[in-house]
Protein backbone atom coordinates (compact mmCIF):
# COMPACT_ATOMS: atom_id res chain seq x y z
CA MET A 1 20.32 -0.22 -10.38
CA ALA A 2 16.66 -0.58 -9.37
CA ARG A 3 14.05 1.76 -10.54
CA ILE A 4 12.90 4.61 -8.24
CA HIS A 5 9.93 3.81 -5.78
CA ILE A 6 7.43 6.41 -4.85
CA LEU A 7 5.04 5.95 -1.89
CA THR A 8 2.09 8.19 -1.89
CA ASN A 9 -1.46 8.00 -0.12
CA PRO A 10 -0.59 4.81 1.81
CA ARG A 11 -3.43 2.45 2.34
CA SER A 12 -2.27 2.19 6.00
CA ASP A 13 -3.57 5.81 6.49
CA ALA A 14 -7.12 4.58 5.42
CA GLY A 15 -6.91 1.59 7.80
CA THR A 16 -8.03 1.19 11.49
CA PHE A 17 -5.66 0.43 14.38
CA LEU A 18 -6.74 -2.73 16.12
CA PRO A 19 -7.47 -2.02 19.86
CA GLY A 20 -5.69 -3.82 22.59
CA ILE A 21 -2.47 -4.31 20.69
CA GLY A 22 0.48 -2.44 22.11
CA ASP A 23 0.51 0.24 24.75
CA TRP A 24 0.92 3.82 23.61
CA VAL A 25 0.81 6.98 25.59
CA PRO A 26 -2.71 8.56 25.40
CA SER A 27 -1.43 12.05 24.54
CA LEU A 28 0.95 10.58 21.80
CA PRO A 29 -1.30 7.92 20.25
CA LEU A 30 -0.96 5.66 17.28
CA ALA A 31 -3.20 8.03 15.26
CA ASN A 32 -0.08 10.30 14.99
CA LEU A 33 1.54 7.71 12.63
CA LYS A 34 -1.10 8.86 10.05
CA THR A 35 -0.25 12.58 10.16
CA GLN A 36 2.27 13.90 7.72
CA GLN A 37 4.39 15.83 10.31
CA PRO A 38 7.25 13.51 11.28
CA LYS A 39 7.75 15.21 14.61
CA GLN A 40 4.06 14.44 15.75
CA VAL A 41 5.05 11.13 17.23
CA ALA A 42 3.33 8.06 18.85
CA ARG A 43 5.19 6.86 21.85
CA SER A 44 4.94 3.59 23.66
CA THR A 45 4.49 3.44 27.38
CA SER A 46 7.51 1.15 27.88
CA LEU A 47 10.07 -1.04 25.98
CA ASP A 48 8.28 -4.19 26.81
CA ALA A 49 7.47 -6.12 23.72
CA SER A 50 3.81 -6.28 24.49
CA ALA A 51 3.79 -2.44 24.45
CA THR A 52 5.84 -1.71 21.32
CA ARG A 53 3.51 -3.07 18.69
CA PHE A 54 0.55 -2.23 16.53
CA ALA A 55 -1.69 -3.73 13.96
CA ILE A 56 -3.74 -2.18 11.16
CA ASP A 57 -6.96 -3.42 9.59
CA LEU A 58 -6.88 -2.19 5.98
CA GLY A 59 -10.62 -3.12 5.56
CA SER A 60 -10.13 -5.61 2.80
CA GLN A 61 -7.20 -7.13 0.99
CA TRP A 62 -4.79 -4.74 -0.40
CA LEU A 63 -1.44 -4.91 -2.21
CA VAL A 64 1.04 -3.68 0.40
CA PRO A 65 4.56 -4.57 -0.33
CA SER A 66 6.28 -1.42 0.87
CA PHE A 67 6.69 -0.16 4.49
CA ALA A 68 8.43 2.76 6.20
CA LEU A 69 8.85 3.88 9.77
CA ILE A 70 9.85 7.57 9.72
CA ASN A 71 11.52 9.54 12.43
CA SER A 72 11.89 6.89 15.02
CA ASN A 73 14.14 6.89 17.97
CA LEU A 74 15.16 3.26 17.38
CA THR A 75 18.69 2.19 18.31
CA ARG A 76 21.20 0.05 16.47
CA SER A 77 20.15 -3.08 18.22
CA SER A 78 16.58 -2.71 17.35
CA LYS A 79 14.51 -4.99 15.25
CA VAL A 80 11.32 -4.57 13.38
CA ARG A 81 9.06 -7.46 12.42
CA ILE A 82 6.40 -6.85 9.73
CA ARG A 83 3.74 -9.27 8.98
CA VAL A 84 0.88 -9.10 6.44
CA SER A 85 -2.01 -11.55 6.94
CA ASN A 86 -5.66 -12.07 6.31
CA ASN A 87 -6.09 -13.06 9.97
CA ALA A 88 -6.13 -10.27 12.70
CA ASP A 89 -3.72 -12.26 14.89
CA GLY A 90 -1.18 -12.53 12.13
CA TYR A 91 -1.64 -16.37 11.70
CA ASP A 92 -0.58 -17.82 8.41
CA PRO A 93 1.07 -14.65 7.10
CA ILE A 94 1.61 -13.79 3.49
CA LEU A 95 4.67 -11.74 4.56
CA ASP A 96 6.68 -12.31 7.74
CA VAL A 97 10.11 -10.39 7.84
CA THR A 98 12.44 -9.03 10.45
CA VAL A 99 14.70 -6.13 9.57
CA PRO A 100 17.27 -3.92 11.51
CA GLY A 101 15.59 -0.84 12.89
CA VAL A 102 18.74 1.10 12.04
CA PRO A 103 20.88 0.14 9.10
CA PRO A 104 24.66 1.18 8.98
CA ASN A 105 24.81 4.93 7.93
CA ILE A 106 28.38 5.69 6.94
CA ALA A 107 29.23 5.40 3.29
CA TRP A 108 32.44 3.41 2.77
CA GLY A 109 35.13 5.68 1.80
CA SER A 110 33.63 8.88 3.19
CA LEU A 111 36.03 9.01 6.20
CA PRO A 112 39.95 8.86 6.19
CA TRP A 113 41.42 5.38 6.92
CA GLY A 114 41.81 5.10 10.73
CA GLN A 115 38.75 7.20 11.50
CA PHE A 116 36.29 4.95 9.98
CA PRO A 117 34.12 3.36 12.81
CA TRP A 118 34.15 -0.41 12.06
CA ASN A 119 30.57 -0.87 13.29
CA GLY A 120 29.53 1.32 10.42
CA TYR A 121 27.55 3.75 12.41
CA ARG A 122 27.74 7.45 13.33
CA ASP A 123 25.19 9.18 15.45
CA ASP A 124 23.83 11.92 13.40
CA ALA A 125 20.38 11.58 12.02
CA LEU A 126 18.60 12.44 8.79
CA PRO A 127 16.78 15.74 8.80
CA ALA A 128 13.38 14.08 9.07
CA GLY A 129 14.73 11.47 11.56
CA GLN A 130 15.62 7.85 11.31
CA VAL A 131 13.87 5.88 8.59
CA THR A 132 13.30 2.07 8.53
CA PHE A 133 12.28 0.93 5.04
CA PHE A 134 11.29 -2.40 3.62
CA GLN A 135 10.45 -3.47 0.07
CA ALA A 136 9.09 -6.98 -0.45
CA SER A 137 10.36 -8.80 -3.52
CA LYS A 138 7.05 -10.12 -4.40
CA SER A 139 3.42 -9.04 -4.51
CA VAL A 140 1.93 -8.91 -0.98
CA PHE A 141 -1.99 -8.90 -0.70
CA GLY A 142 -3.54 -9.00 2.80
CA ARG A 143 -5.89 -7.14 5.06
CA TYR A 144 -4.01 -6.94 8.27
CA VAL A 145 -0.55 -5.33 8.79
CA LEU A 146 1.13 -6.23 12.07
CA VAL A 147 4.36 -4.38 13.39
CA ASN A 148 6.35 -5.66 16.32
CA ILE A 149 9.32 -3.62 17.54
CA THR A 150 12.16 -4.91 19.77
CA ASP A 151 14.48 -2.33 21.21
CA PRO A 152 15.03 -3.53 24.82
CA ASN A 153 18.08 -1.37 25.52
CA ASN A 154 16.77 1.91 24.12
CA PRO A 155 18.10 4.58 26.70
CA ALA A 156 14.78 6.66 26.31
CA GLY A 157 12.79 3.95 27.98
CA TYR A 158 10.29 4.02 25.08
CA VAL A 159 9.84 3.66 21.34
CA GLN A 160 8.50 6.61 19.35
CA ILE A 161 7.64 6.91 15.55
CA GLY A 162 6.65 9.95 13.67
CA ARG A 163 5.17 8.36 10.57
CA PHE A 164 4.11 4.85 9.32
CA MET A 165 3.47 3.97 5.69
CA GLY A 166 2.20 0.75 4.21
CA ALA A 167 1.61 1.02 0.53
CA ALA A 168 2.18 -0.12 -2.99
CA ALA A 169 4.88 2.09 -4.49
CA PHE A 170 4.54 3.62 -7.92
CA VAL A 171 7.55 2.25 -9.82
CA PRO A 172 7.81 3.68 -13.44
CA ARG A 173 8.50 1.26 -16.34
CA TYR A 174 11.46 3.42 -17.22
CA ASN A 175 13.67 4.92 -14.70
CA MET A 176 14.42 8.64 -14.37
CA ALA A 177 16.70 10.28 -16.87
CA TYR A 178 20.31 11.14 -16.24
CA GLY A 179 20.63 14.59 -14.48
CA ALA A 180 18.47 13.54 -11.34
CA ALA A 181 19.64 15.86 -8.64
CA LEU A 182 19.94 15.62 -4.84
CA LYS A 183 21.01 18.73 -2.88
CA TRP A 184 20.99 20.21 0.62
CA ILE A 185 19.06 23.46 1.25
CA ASP A 186 20.10 25.92 3.91
CA GLU A 187 17.70 28.82 4.47
CA THR A 188 19.79 30.36 7.22
CA ARG A 189 19.45 34.18 6.99
CA VAL A 190 22.84 36.01 6.81
CA SER A 191 23.24 39.65 7.86
CA LYS A 192 26.40 41.70 7.93
CA SER A 193 27.26 44.55 10.36
CA VAL A 194 28.83 47.81 9.34
CA GLY A 195 32.18 46.43 10.47
CA GLY A 196 31.90 43.44 8.14
CA GLN A 197 31.03 40.86 10.79
CA LYS A 198 28.44 38.27 9.75
CA TRP A 199 25.46 37.11 11.85
CA PHE A 200 23.46 34.08 11.22
CA ASP A 201 19.75 33.22 11.99
CA VAL A 202 20.34 29.55 11.74
CA ARG A 203 17.67 27.34 10.19
CA PRO A 204 17.75 23.56 9.88
CA ASN A 205 19.07 22.03 6.78
CA PHE A 206 16.95 19.97 4.60
CA ARG A 207 17.16 18.15 1.26
CA SER A 208 15.43 18.40 -2.09
CA PHE A 209 15.38 16.06 -5.08
CA ARG A 210 14.37 16.62 -8.67
CA ALA A 211 14.28 14.06 -11.47
CA SER A 212 12.87 13.87 -14.99
CA PHE A 213 11.01 11.06 -16.47
CA ASN A 214 11.14 11.26 -20.37
CA PHE A 215 9.41 7.99 -21.23
CA ALA A 216 6.10 7.31 -19.58
CA THR A 217 3.18 5.19 -20.65
CA GLN A 218 -0.32 6.56 -21.03
CA GLY A 219 -1.28 4.58 -17.98
CA GLU A 220 1.52 5.95 -15.91
CA ALA A 221 1.20 9.53 -17.19
CA LEU A 222 -2.60 9.86 -17.04
CA GLY A 223 -3.03 7.28 -14.32
CA ALA A 224 -0.30 7.12 -11.59
CA VAL A 225 1.23 10.54 -12.08
CA TYR A 226 -2.11 12.41 -12.77
CA ASP A 227 -3.66 10.76 -9.60
CA MET A 228 -0.50 11.49 -7.44
CA GLN A 229 -0.57 15.15 -8.49
CA GLN A 230 -4.40 15.45 -7.73
CA ARG A 231 -4.42 13.63 -4.45
CA VAL A 232 -1.07 14.75 -3.04
CA GLY A 233 -0.95 18.25 -4.26
CA LEU A 234 1.42 20.66 -2.62
CA SER A 235 0.10 19.90 0.89
CA GLY A 236 0.33 16.11 0.95
CA ASN A 237 3.38 13.95 1.54
CA LEU A 238 5.27 11.10 -0.14
CA LEU A 239 8.34 8.91 0.28
CA VAL A 240 10.73 8.74 -2.46
CA ILE A 241 13.43 5.95 -2.45
CA TYR A 242 15.93 6.58 -5.17
CA ASP A 243 17.12 3.04 -5.34
CA PRO A 244 15.85 0.28 -3.12
CA GLU A 245 18.83 -1.96 -4.02
CA ASP A 246 21.21 0.58 -2.86
CA SER A 247 23.72 -0.58 -0.11
CA ALA A 248 22.41 -0.22 3.47
CA ASP A 249 24.93 2.52 4.15
CA VAL A 250 23.78 4.73 1.29
CA ILE A 251 20.04 4.02 0.78
CA LEU A 252 18.92 6.54 3.28
CA ARG A 253 21.09 9.33 1.97
CA ARG A 254 18.92 9.06 -1.22
CA THR A 255 15.68 8.42 0.47
CA ILE A 256 13.47 11.62 1.16
CA TYR A 257 10.15 11.88 2.97
CA GLY A 258 8.61 15.07 1.77
CA SER A 259 6.08 17.05 -0.21
CA LEU A 260 5.94 18.04 -3.79
CA THR A 261 7.15 21.56 -4.73
CA GLU A 262 5.44 21.74 -8.08
CA LEU A 263 2.74 19.87 -10.01
CA SER A 264 4.62 19.50 -13.26
CA GLU A 265 3.28 19.43 -16.59
CA ILE A 266 2.47 16.04 -18.13
CA VAL A 267 3.93 16.53 -21.65
CA THR A 268 3.36 14.71 -24.82
CA ALA A 269 6.98 14.69 -25.46
CA ASN A 270 7.89 12.21 -28.25
CA GLU A 271 6.53 9.99 -30.99
CA THR A 272 7.27 6.74 -29.13
CA ALA A 273 3.94 4.91 -29.31
CA ASP A 274 4.29 3.00 -26.05
CA THR A 275 5.76 5.81 -23.93
CA PRO A 276 4.97 9.23 -25.35
CA TYR A 277 4.76 11.24 -22.17
CA ALA A 278 7.18 13.00 -19.92
CA TRP A 279 6.93 14.52 -16.39
CA THR A 280 9.12 15.80 -13.60
CA LEU A 281 9.25 14.88 -9.90
CA ALA A 282 10.29 17.66 -7.37
CA VAL A 283 10.25 17.01 -3.84
CA GLU A 284 11.31 18.91 -0.73
CA GLU A 285 11.96 17.16 2.67
CA LEU A 286 9.52 17.50 5.49
CA ILE A 287 11.30 17.83 8.93
């Protein structure tokens, strides 16, 4: 099992979209990829490959090995090419990878034999929408991030994305402790008539995640965690990938785009010289 990855304050948010790359609806511009609301989307004008692309100038060379497209309408046949380069045209890339826009989403064994669709897909989406995630296996330093999307058979006639993140994830030296908890939350309001009938004011379900980290170094606790709490607060956003090495059919079930529900105490918890601190991560999904 790989250690948890936490993406916050992505460098891509501070970058500048290069003009003349892609063709996006003026009222649904690429700037929407930087807002934290996943339903505030950027939408291409067509499915032409020249329209469904964008490039970001980070301003200088930055470490950007982690990428996510959140709440997209990509279909099973879609592909996403991600490049990182020090050239605005993508020449001589440090990273050049193409990944499926939509990985299989049915966990093996979750359905009875005979009902399992052999293509590995079902049509329901995550609460925050479809997520495309890629984590490079090496350090990736570059100035420009270029994304090309291919989805020629999309029935919508366009590509749309609610959020893009290009960042260096925070990966703790020691993983979360046993007891990490993922759960669904349903805030549907229930009322009951005098006769006993129930009435429901249905609200959309969403997920929450909570994990404890009992052994953190000073650099992690008073560096990465301290800065995350200060910069993200309760109003910012982050992406939590429980295990980047999860199988494709499970990884998104334990991936949450959300906000912090509390700024936990950074506790001097034990006498271990290298890792004396402890802290808690509590996240609620943004939809």
